[in-house]
Protein backbone atom coordinates (compact mmCIF):
# COMPACT_ATOMS: atom_id res chain seq x y z
CA ALA A 1 -54.40 -18.40 -30.91
CA CYS A 2 -53.63 -14.55 -31.76
CA GLY A 3 -54.17 -13.61 -35.38
CA PHE A 4 -51.92 -11.10 -37.39
CA ASP A 5 -53.79 -7.91 -35.42
CA CYS A 6 -52.37 -9.18 -32.14
CA ALA A 7 -49.56 -6.68 -30.96
CA PRO A 8 -46.52 -8.56 -29.46
CA THR A 9 -46.43 -8.44 -25.69
CA ASP A 10 -42.91 -6.89 -25.44
CA SER A 11 -41.39 -4.61 -28.03
CA PRO A 12 -37.71 -6.19 -29.32
CA SER A 13 -35.02 -3.92 -27.58
CA LYS A 14 -33.22 -1.61 -30.06
CA SER A 15 -29.83 -1.96 -27.99
CA PRO A 16 -27.89 -5.51 -27.67
CA SER A 17 -27.99 -6.89 -24.13
CA VAL A 18 -25.01 -5.72 -21.76
CA GLN A 19 -22.57 -9.06 -21.17
CA PRO A 20 -20.78 -9.12 -18.05
CA SER A 21 -17.15 -7.31 -18.47
CA LYS A 22 -14.34 -10.09 -18.81
CA VAL A 23 -10.57 -9.51 -18.65
CA PRO A 24 -8.93 -10.92 -21.70
CA THR A 25 -7.55 -14.42 -20.72
CA PHE A 26 -3.75 -14.40 -20.94
CA ILE A 27 -2.15 -17.33 -19.47
CA CYS A 28 1.30 -17.43 -18.90
CA ASP A 29 2.51 -20.28 -16.35
CA VAL A 30 6.29 -19.00 -15.93
CA LEU A 31 4.89 -15.75 -14.40
CA ALA A 32 1.86 -17.75 -12.79
CA THR A 33 -0.66 -15.26 -14.70
CA LYS A 34 -4.09 -16.07 -16.05
CA ASN A 35 -5.16 -13.08 -17.38
CA LEU A 36 -4.03 -10.10 -19.44
CA ALA A 37 -4.15 -7.61 -16.35
CA GLU A 38 -2.32 -9.88 -13.98
CA TYR A 39 0.33 -10.77 -16.53
CA GLU A 40 1.01 -6.55 -17.23
CA GLU A 41 0.83 -5.93 -13.19
CA LYS A 42 3.32 -8.86 -13.17
CA VAL A 43 5.61 -7.92 -15.79
CA LYS A 44 5.74 -4.30 -14.44
CA ASN A 45 6.91 -5.43 -10.96
CA ILE A 46 9.60 -7.36 -12.32
CA TYR A 47 11.02 -4.30 -14.29
CA ARG A 48 10.55 -2.25 -11.29
CA THR A 49 13.29 -3.84 -9.35
CA VAL A 50 15.61 -2.69 -11.71
CA SER A 51 14.15 0.44 -13.15
CA GLY A 52 12.70 1.80 -9.85
CA ASP A 53 9.14 2.33 -8.63
CA ASN A 54 8.35 5.11 -10.52
CA ALA A 55 9.73 4.02 -14.17
CA PHE A 56 6.36 3.56 -15.93
CA ASP A 57 4.33 6.37 -14.47
CA GLY A 58 4.18 7.95 -18.00
CA ASN A 59 6.89 10.59 -17.33
CA ASP A 60 9.72 8.20 -18.86
CA LEU A 61 9.10 7.59 -22.76
CA ASP A 62 11.81 5.29 -23.04
CA ARG A 63 11.34 2.96 -20.40
CA MET A 64 7.55 3.21 -21.18
CA ASP A 65 8.51 1.98 -25.02
CA ALA A 66 10.47 -0.69 -23.68
CA LEU A 67 7.89 -2.22 -21.52
CA ASN A 68 5.20 -1.65 -24.08
CA PHE A 69 7.43 -3.66 -26.70
CA ILE A 70 7.43 -6.43 -24.04
CA LEU A 71 3.66 -6.10 -23.52
CA ASP A 72 2.66 -5.98 -27.23
CA GLU A 73 4.91 -9.47 -27.89
CA GLY A 74 3.57 -11.03 -24.79
CA ALA A 75 7.11 -12.49 -23.63
CA CYS A 76 6.41 -15.19 -21.34
CA LEU A 77 9.90 -15.98 -19.82
CA ASP A 78 11.45 -16.43 -16.43
CA PRO A 79 12.16 -12.99 -14.90
CA PRO A 80 16.05 -13.15 -15.76
CA LYS A 81 15.26 -13.61 -19.67
CA MET A 82 12.43 -10.80 -19.23
CA ILE A 83 14.76 -8.39 -17.89
CA GLN A 84 17.61 -9.11 -20.35
CA ARG A 85 15.08 -8.49 -22.99
CA TYR A 86 13.60 -5.69 -21.68
CA ILE A 87 17.31 -3.95 -21.13
CA SER A 88 17.90 -4.71 -24.59
CA ALA A 89 15.00 -2.96 -25.82
CA LEU A 90 15.47 -0.39 -23.59
CA PHE A 91 19.11 0.27 -24.66
CA TYR A 92 17.65 0.70 -28.26
CA TYR A 93 15.21 3.38 -27.02
CA SER A 94 17.59 5.13 -24.84
CA THR A 95 20.20 5.76 -27.54
CA GLU A 96 17.37 6.47 -29.78
CA GLY A 97 17.59 3.42 -32.08
CA GLU A 98 15.11 4.69 -34.55
CA THR A 99 17.97 7.15 -35.79
CA TRP A 100 20.95 4.81 -35.75
CA LYS A 101 22.74 4.24 -39.03
CA GLU A 102 22.18 0.44 -38.99
CA SER A 103 19.49 -1.00 -36.39
CA GLY A 104 18.98 -4.36 -38.04
CA ASP A 105 17.04 -6.97 -35.92
CA TRP A 106 16.72 -4.83 -32.92
CA VAL A 107 13.38 -4.76 -31.04
CA SER A 108 12.08 -7.18 -33.29
CA SER A 109 10.39 -10.62 -32.49
CA LYS A 110 14.16 -12.35 -32.92
CA HIS A 111 15.95 -13.45 -29.72
CA GLU A 112 17.93 -10.48 -28.63
CA CYS A 113 21.16 -12.43 -28.92
CA ASP A 114 20.47 -12.15 -32.73
CA TRP A 115 20.12 -8.51 -32.55
CA ASN A 116 23.23 -6.84 -34.21
CA GLY A 117 25.97 -5.79 -31.89
CA ILE A 118 24.81 -8.04 -29.07
CA GLU A 119 26.97 -11.20 -28.21
CA CYS A 120 25.93 -13.91 -25.69
CA ASN A 121 27.26 -17.14 -24.41
CA ASP A 122 26.07 -20.94 -24.77
CA ASN A 123 23.35 -20.26 -22.37
CA LEU A 124 21.88 -17.41 -24.30
CA ILE A 125 23.06 -14.52 -21.76
CA ILE A 126 24.62 -11.33 -23.10
CA THR A 127 28.21 -10.86 -22.48
CA GLN A 128 28.78 -8.27 -25.03
CA LEU A 129 27.27 -4.91 -26.53
CA TYR A 130 29.14 -3.40 -29.44
CA ARG A 131 27.81 -0.51 -31.39
CA ASP A 132 30.51 1.81 -32.51
CA ASP A 133 30.16 4.09 -35.36
CA ASN A 134 26.38 3.79 -35.80
CA THR A 135 25.23 7.29 -34.84
CA LEU A 136 23.76 6.67 -31.32
CA LYS A 137 22.59 9.78 -29.32
CA GLY A 138 20.47 9.89 -25.80
CA THR A 139 22.14 8.48 -22.91
CA ILE A 140 23.20 4.96 -21.77
CA PRO A 141 20.77 3.45 -19.45
CA PHE A 142 21.80 2.79 -15.76
CA GLU A 143 20.15 -0.73 -16.27
CA ILE A 144 22.94 -1.99 -18.14
CA CYS A 145 24.60 -3.66 -15.12
CA ASP A 146 21.99 -5.53 -14.38
CA LEU A 147 23.12 -7.88 -17.12
CA PRO A 148 25.13 -9.50 -15.13
CA PHE A 149 27.92 -11.38 -17.17
CA LEU A 150 28.44 -8.25 -19.55
CA SER A 151 32.02 -7.98 -19.96
CA ARG A 152 32.79 -5.59 -22.60
CA ILE A 153 30.59 -2.10 -24.01
CA ASP A 154 31.94 -0.87 -27.06
CA LEU A 155 30.00 2.26 -28.15
CA ASP A 156 33.11 4.75 -29.47
CA SER A 157 32.53 7.19 -32.20
CA ASN A 158 29.22 7.96 -31.73
CA GLN A 159 26.88 11.40 -30.29
CA ILE A 160 26.27 9.59 -26.72
CA GLY A 161 25.42 12.27 -24.48
CA GLY A 162 24.69 12.47 -20.54
CA THR A 163 26.99 10.63 -17.89
CA ILE A 164 28.38 7.75 -17.41
CA PRO A 165 26.03 5.85 -15.06
CA ASP A 166 26.84 6.46 -11.24
CA ASP A 167 26.37 2.95 -10.39
CA ILE A 168 28.79 1.36 -13.38
CA GLY A 169 30.61 -0.28 -10.53
CA ARG A 170 27.79 -2.96 -10.28
CA CYS A 171 28.95 -4.45 -13.79
CA GLN A 172 31.45 -6.28 -11.70
CA ASN A 173 32.31 -8.83 -14.86
CA LEU A 174 33.24 -5.75 -17.22
CA VAL A 175 36.44 -6.24 -18.66
CA SER A 176 36.36 -3.10 -21.44
CA TYR A 177 34.59 -0.03 -21.18
CA ASP A 178 35.21 1.83 -24.76
CA VAL A 179 32.99 5.01 -25.15
CA ASP A 180 35.49 7.21 -26.59
CA SER A 181 34.64 10.02 -29.32
CA ASN A 182 31.29 10.89 -27.53
CA ASN A 183 29.49 13.67 -25.90
CA LEU A 184 29.82 12.57 -22.37
CA THR A 185 29.80 15.14 -19.38
CA GLY A 186 30.46 14.74 -15.82
CA SER A 187 32.99 13.10 -14.06
CA ILE A 188 34.31 9.41 -13.86
CA PRO A 189 32.03 7.65 -11.22
CA GLU A 190 33.97 6.32 -8.32
CA SER A 191 32.13 3.24 -8.56
CA MET A 192 33.95 2.29 -11.72
CA PHE A 193 37.10 1.67 -9.56
CA ASP A 194 35.64 -0.94 -7.47
CA VAL A 195 35.49 -3.16 -10.99
CA GLN A 196 38.48 -4.99 -10.45
CA ASN A 197 38.41 -6.89 -13.68
CA LEU A 198 38.65 -3.71 -15.77
CA ARG A 199 41.51 -4.46 -18.27
CA SER A 200 40.77 -1.25 -20.81
CA ILE A 201 39.09 2.14 -20.23
CA ASP A 202 38.74 4.37 -23.30
CA LEU A 203 37.40 7.74 -22.33
CA ASP A 204 38.99 9.89 -24.53
CA THR A 205 37.53 12.85 -26.45
CA ASN A 206 34.52 13.56 -24.38
CA GLN A 207 33.65 16.50 -22.30
CA LEU A 208 34.38 14.67 -18.87
CA THR A 209 35.26 16.87 -15.98
CA GLY A 210 36.86 16.45 -12.42
CA THR A 211 39.75 14.96 -10.97
CA LEU A 212 41.16 11.48 -11.35
CA SER A 213 40.04 9.48 -8.10
CA ARG A 214 42.76 8.11 -5.63
CA LYS A 215 41.00 4.64 -6.05
CA PHE A 216 42.58 4.06 -9.58
CA GLY A 217 45.35 1.77 -7.94
CA ASN A 218 42.40 -0.43 -7.30
CA LEU A 219 42.20 -1.58 -10.92
CA VAL A 220 45.20 -4.01 -10.70
CA GLU A 221 44.20 -5.77 -14.05
CA LEU A 222 44.26 -2.71 -16.01
CA ARG A 223 46.13 -2.48 -19.14
CA VAL A 224 44.91 0.20 -21.25
CA LEU A 225 43.84 3.61 -20.37
CA GLN A 226 42.95 6.58 -22.82
CA LEU A 227 41.75 9.90 -21.15
CA PHE A 228 42.87 12.47 -23.36
CA LYS A 229 40.77 15.50 -25.22
CA ASN A 230 38.55 15.85 -22.23
CA GLN A 231 38.41 18.56 -19.37
CA LEU A 232 39.99 16.66 -16.62
CA GLN A 233 42.14 18.62 -13.98
CA GLY A 234 44.40 17.95 -11.10
CA THR A 235 47.42 15.66 -10.88
CA ILE A 236 47.85 12.23 -11.57
CA PRO A 237 46.83 10.03 -8.56
CA PRO A 238 49.87 8.43 -6.78
CA GLY A 239 47.91 5.07 -6.70
CA MET A 240 48.34 4.90 -10.86
CA SER A 241 52.18 3.76 -9.80
CA LEU A 242 50.85 0.48 -8.72
CA LEU A 243 49.23 -0.43 -12.21
CA LYS A 244 51.85 -2.82 -13.35
CA ASN A 245 50.27 -4.21 -15.57
CA LEU A 246 50.26 -1.23 -17.98
CA GLY A 247 53.71 -1.98 -18.69
CA LYS A 248 52.29 -3.92 -21.41
CA CYS A 249 50.99 -0.93 -23.25
CA THR A 250 52.72 0.84 -25.29
CA ALA A 251 52.07 4.14 -23.29
CA LEU A 252 49.62 5.56 -21.13
CA VAL A 253 48.57 8.79 -22.33
CA LEU A 254 46.63 11.61 -20.37
CA TYR A 255 45.86 15.29 -21.12
CA LEU A 256 44.99 16.92 -17.95
CA ARG A 257 44.38 20.55 -17.05
CA PHE A 258 46.24 21.19 -13.85
CA PHE A 259 44.87 23.94 -11.33
CA GLU A 260 48.18 25.98 -12.10
CA SER A 261 46.17 26.55 -15.34
CA PHE A 262 48.74 25.07 -17.75
CA LEU A 263 48.13 22.13 -20.36
CA ALA A 264 50.63 19.06 -19.77
CA SER A 265 50.98 15.78 -21.52
CA PHE A 266 52.20 12.72 -19.85
CA PHE A 267 53.59 9.85 -21.53
CA LEU A 268 54.15 7.44 -18.76
CA PHE A 269 56.06 4.22 -19.60
CA PHE A 270 56.33 1.55 -17.35
């Protein structure tokens, strides 16, 4: 036996023992992930299919903010629902939602269909987006056309800049595109004239340039077209005479600056 004078054979360590590192458990059966690292990578891969391979390389703050919103809440949904929630959050960040006049429940834990300005069908799939006269700035994210049932976009009377997304033609269910009284620049994308369900295009009071496409005649359902107070040039394309549904409008008003350098106003009645 050892008395009080005996020294311990081993001195106690002052440092805690090192435990094997573990990746935090995060099981999401819908996405087939079993830990947090798998979950984060799976979510990024889902969103890369709509935002591009380099969307989360750290150079795009809006898309990083939308991604982090999803990761922070730990959303565990099937990919189409994950994409819809991500695009809803991305729209908020891309249009500087923190400076909106009224933001309500946006980027909250509520379902995005309950965020003010989003309308959904009975299956909780987004069909309409309206945020008119609400001090929106920034730009419209091109991913908006990855909402497959989106039929109405109403964002007039804001301060949105940038261009109309080049691939707006992917919004094949779009019926109304209302973005007048903003700061949009560039030309009207050719792809817009592939959306044959369009009934209303309201682009007046922006800074749009270029000429009117000869493909206007493709929009056989068009009933409302407002393009005045822009910097459009050229002549009215012949195909517009084929738009017989415009006769249901009171008038079609176009303000065009001709190549001959004079300003003309046309009131075309059908």
